[in-house]
Amino acid sequence: MTARSSPASQQALAAARGLMQQGRNAEAAALLRRLTDQEPRNADALLLLGGALQPLGDLAGSEAALRAATTADRKDPRALAALGDLLARTERPEEAEKALAKSLSLDRRQPFVVGMLARLLNDQRRFGEAIKTTTALCADHARADVPVLWEHARALSGLARLDEALEVRRAIAQRQPNDALAAHNVGSALADLKRHEAAAAELRRALALGSQHPETWWLLAGAYLNLGRFADCEDALRQVIARSPLHMEAWRELGHVVWMRTADLPGTAALYDPAIARYPRAAGFRVLKAKIHEYAGDPEGGYRVLTEAGAPRDSADIEVTAAQAAMRFDRAKALAHARRAMHLQPESHVVRSALVDLLVANGHADEALSQADALLAEDPADQHALALKATALRQLSDPDYSRLYDFETMVRGWTIDTPQGWPSLSAYLADLKAALLRMHTLKAHPIGQSLRKGTQTHEDLTVSSDPAIRAFFEAIDGPIRRHMKALGEGRDPLRRRNTFNYRISGIWSVRLQPNGFHEDHLHPQGWLSSAFYVDLPPAVDAGGREGWIKFGEPGVKSDPPLGPEYFVKPEPGMLVLFPSYMWHGTVPFGGDQPRLTIAFDVVPA
């Protein structure tokens, strides 16, 4: 039985609560210890003692008192809830979940406990369970407990039920109209839905309400980038960095935006010098500066950034980036860097992939094949590993190469369908060209991409309001489905993923200037990739394959070199589809006219 009813114990409990309210937790704990010595099964006293000990830093004592309270009265959910809260805060999620679930089994309508349990489940990405836990208390958004609504919205977002998540977050913001965090979360939900204009407005409202969190500025920068507002994006990124000087993603995007807006290599690279001086052990700043040099056409300059005096010598990131830079001018030196990176971080997927790159480049085909197969054993859809395996097989003259790179059946050019509202394909392409050219406002190619001497759009074409761009998705649907049907089913890495349904996972436009080209590359996030030709220069028809798309030449250059094996001549209105793991690039072209394309990746749905 529990001891709760004697006047003396009730008086002592009231006194202890008063002391705790005044912050006199040590005195309260001493009083409660005397009481629990006299009444060891007084659940109220044990529960209160557990709460008094926590501000004193005696977490072990608090846990012991709360566990005693749960056994003193097994029908009281409060002690179980308090124990679960303590276990969660001391990073013991499995024990916390058991205590919280048991508390809820005694009383389902405990918003605080529901919120805690849902947070634990969300943190473990168990979003379906979190939704089941919170749904009953979230039926009426206007009355539900706000922390429970927060976790309900998190779970909905985790399951990609984005419209529902936005509805819940809007309900919270309506109840808390002056809360910056509520506005921030509405902006985040809108960004998830690619409603970038609305997201930017809501994030600006969060800032006006006093948000100082760098994440608000970071999301705003992303919205501006997708809207093509590059100057505003740059300003927002600088605000992120001012509040979070080690926010490496913001530093990366800042360098990319400044380079694409200015095409100024010295000025862009110099962005990172103050940070390198201030944080000499932070390898990331040197890596970012080196990448700017590499993609601006100065790999030797990037290599010097990584290997000069003062650069960290124990960083796998430094070694991998040095290997990638050196691969362009000294393959043997690059391989040595890759092996050092493996010594420093042997479990890293990035490091292991880089090593296979360099094994291929140096002609170590047997070792490269073994390493590529190890990567594919972990992820059979690893497009980079598939490309490297194919290259190693080609170096070994292995017949399995032609099964991975079956150009005749895997690469096809299709004429897109003329979308409704246009009298002819040529009329549609003229409108599409005009829409895309309005987006090409930058001066230089992006960092980390294959194109050279040209520009790439960053606006999200999937949510464009332009009629010609919106119609593009109608025009390509038929060719994509015809291509999947032509591929059919099979056991090879391409066909075994064919569900005969798809979704687009990324889409962008490229405008190459004369003498521009795409370096040979692959698309690591895709299943099928594409090149769609909107407008082509006269050089394409000149008879020398200028501006044509080529397949089979590895982006990893080896000795002896492996050249292209298959070409497709572009035509306006043609959509070329091919496996994302297949090496491809473009032949440079001359003349004085640019080349305008759209590219996208497709994944099974």
Foldseek 3Di string as FASTA:
>chain_A
DADDPDPVVVVLLVVLVVCVVVVNLVVSLVSLVVVCVVGVLHLSSLQSNLVSCVVVVPNVSSLVSLVSSCVSDVLALPSLLVNLVSCVVVPNLVSSLVSLVSSCVSPVPDLVSLLSNLVSCVVVLVLVVNLVSLVVQPVDLLPHDLSSLVSNLSSCVSVVVLVVSLVSLVSSCVVVVLALVSLLSNLVSCVSVVVLVVSLVSLVSSVVSPDLALVSLVSNLLSCQQVLVLVSSLVSLVSSCVSPVPPLVSLLVNLQSVCFAPVDLVVSLVVLVVVCVVCLAPQSSLLSSLLSCQQSPHLVVSLCSLPPPSHDPLDLSSLLSNLVSCLVPPLVSSLVSLVSSCVNPVVDPSSLLSNLLSCLQALVLVVSLVSLVVVCVVPVLQLSSLLSNLSSCVSVVHPVNCVSCVPVLFKDKDFWADFPPDPDLLRLLVLVVVVQVVQQPTDFDGGPFFKGAWYKGRHALCPDPRPSSVRVVVRCPVVVLVSLVSNAADDDSQRPQRPSAKDWDDKMKMKHWAQMKGQWDFARVAFKKKKAFSDDDPQLVVPPQAFWKFWDFDSSAHVVGDDTDDTDRDDHRMMMMGGRSITMMGHGGHDGHITMIMMTGMGHD
